[in-house]
Amino acid sequence: MKKLDQEVSCPNCGWHPDGEAHWQCLCGHTWNVFSTGGRCPACCRQWEKTQCAPKAGGCSTWSPYLEWYGDLSQWLTTELGHVSTDKEEERRGSRGH
């Protein structure tokens, strides 16, 4: 499957993360939560909600992590279409050999 090329933004205010380390885990580690899928690289805690970073211009609202990626159903449908197409091409290729 391909990398998710989805724009990330706060579902409440629309703020876009800038790639900087604005989030701090309960263990004290600070990092960019979107670079790890919401999992702290120091203690492996999986965050289900993400706070919009107020110090970086965000609204400070907590939202489910996946909501930051907008309409994932459209992306998933497209990706599943790619998988089906790739498998069909593999089948056709194996018949020709």
Protein backbone atom coordinates (compact mmCIF):
# COMPACT_ATOMS: atom_id res chain seq x y z
CA MET A 1 0.00 0.00 0.00
CA LYS A 2 1.18 3.51 -0.72
CA LYS A 3 1.99 6.17 1.82
CA LEU A 4 -0.93 8.30 2.96
CA ASP A 5 -0.63 11.55 1.01
CA GLN A 6 -3.36 13.19 2.99
CA GLU A 7 -3.30 16.73 4.26
CA VAL A 8 -3.34 16.86 8.04
CA SER A 9 -5.32 19.55 9.82
CA CYS A 10 -7.19 20.13 13.03
CA PRO A 11 -10.79 19.02 12.51
CA ASN A 12 -11.95 21.87 14.74
CA CYS A 13 -10.05 24.95 13.51
CA GLY A 14 -8.20 23.80 10.38
CA TRP A 15 -4.69 24.49 11.75
CA HIS A 16 -2.03 22.57 9.82
CA PRO A 17 0.87 21.02 11.76
CA ASP A 18 4.21 22.42 10.68
CA GLY A 19 6.27 19.29 11.29
CA GLU A 20 7.71 20.56 14.54
CA ALA A 21 7.65 18.80 17.92
CA HIS A 22 4.63 20.45 19.57
CA TRP A 23 3.28 17.45 21.49
CA GLN A 24 4.46 16.10 24.81
CA CYS A 25 3.70 12.62 26.09
CA LEU A 26 2.98 11.77 29.70
CA CYS A 27 6.50 10.31 29.83
CA GLY A 28 7.89 13.79 29.08
CA HIS A 29 9.05 13.13 25.52
CA THR A 30 8.26 15.89 23.01
CA TRP A 31 7.80 15.02 19.33
CA ASN A 32 5.72 15.49 16.19
CA VAL A 33 2.76 13.20 16.83
CA PHE A 34 2.04 12.94 13.09
CA SER A 35 5.45 11.48 12.31
CA THR A 36 4.69 8.34 14.32
CA GLY A 37 0.99 7.71 13.84
CA GLY A 38 0.20 9.04 17.29
CA ARG A 39 2.59 6.71 19.12
CA CYS A 40 5.21 8.17 21.44
CA PRO A 41 8.62 6.96 20.24
CA ALA A 42 9.99 7.06 23.78
CA CYS A 43 7.44 5.00 25.72
CA CYS A 44 5.23 3.60 22.91
CA ARG A 45 2.03 5.05 24.34
CA GLN A 46 -0.57 5.19 21.57
CA TRP A 47 -2.52 8.44 21.63
CA GLU A 48 -6.07 8.11 20.36
CA LYS A 49 -6.70 11.84 20.64
CA THR A 50 -4.46 14.74 19.67
CA GLN A 51 -4.55 18.27 20.98
CA CYS A 52 -4.34 21.12 18.51
CA ALA A 53 -1.10 22.90 19.45
CA PRO A 54 -2.03 26.28 20.95
CA LYS A 55 1.58 27.51 21.17
CA ALA A 56 1.92 26.99 17.41
CA GLY A 57 -1.30 28.81 16.57
CA GLY A 58 -3.82 26.02 17.08
CA CYS A 59 -7.05 26.05 19.07
CA SER A 60 -6.06 23.60 21.88
CA THR A 61 -9.05 21.31 21.20
CA TRP A 62 -8.56 17.56 21.62
CA SER A 63 -9.79 15.48 18.67
CA PRO A 64 -9.52 11.82 17.69
CA TYR A 65 -6.19 11.34 15.92
CA LEU A 66 -7.71 9.93 12.74
CA GLU A 67 -10.04 12.91 12.35
CA TRP A 68 -6.96 15.04 11.64
CA TYR A 69 -6.70 13.19 8.33
CA GLY A 70 -10.13 14.25 7.08
CA ASP A 71 -12.09 11.82 4.95
CA LEU A 72 -10.05 8.64 5.16
CA SER A 73 -12.83 6.62 3.56
CA GLN A 74 -12.15 8.24 0.19
CA TRP A 75 -8.42 7.55 0.50
CA LEU A 76 -9.07 3.94 1.52
CA THR A 77 -11.42 3.37 -1.41
CA THR A 78 -8.76 4.68 -3.79
CA GLU A 79 -6.05 2.53 -2.20
CA LEU A 80 -8.19 -0.59 -2.34
CA GLY A 81 -8.77 0.15 -6.01
CA HIS A 82 -5.00 0.26 -6.55
CA VAL A 83 -4.58 -3.06 -4.77
CA SER A 84 -7.26 -4.69 -6.94
CA THR A 85 -5.68 -3.28 -10.10
CA ASP A 86 -2.20 -4.44 -9.05
CA LYS A 87 -3.45 -7.96 -8.32
CA GLU A 88 -5.23 -8.15 -11.67
CA GLU A 89 -2.06 -7.06 -13.46
CA GLU A 90 -0.10 -9.72 -11.57
CA ARG A 91 -2.57 -12.38 -12.68
CA ARG A 92 -2.35 -11.29 -16.30
CA GLY A 93 1.44 -11.22 -16.12
CA SER A 94 1.69 -14.71 -14.66
CA ARG A 95 -0.52 -16.12 -17.43
CA GLY A 96 1.83 -14.80 -20.08
CA HIS A 97 4.85 -16.70 -18.75
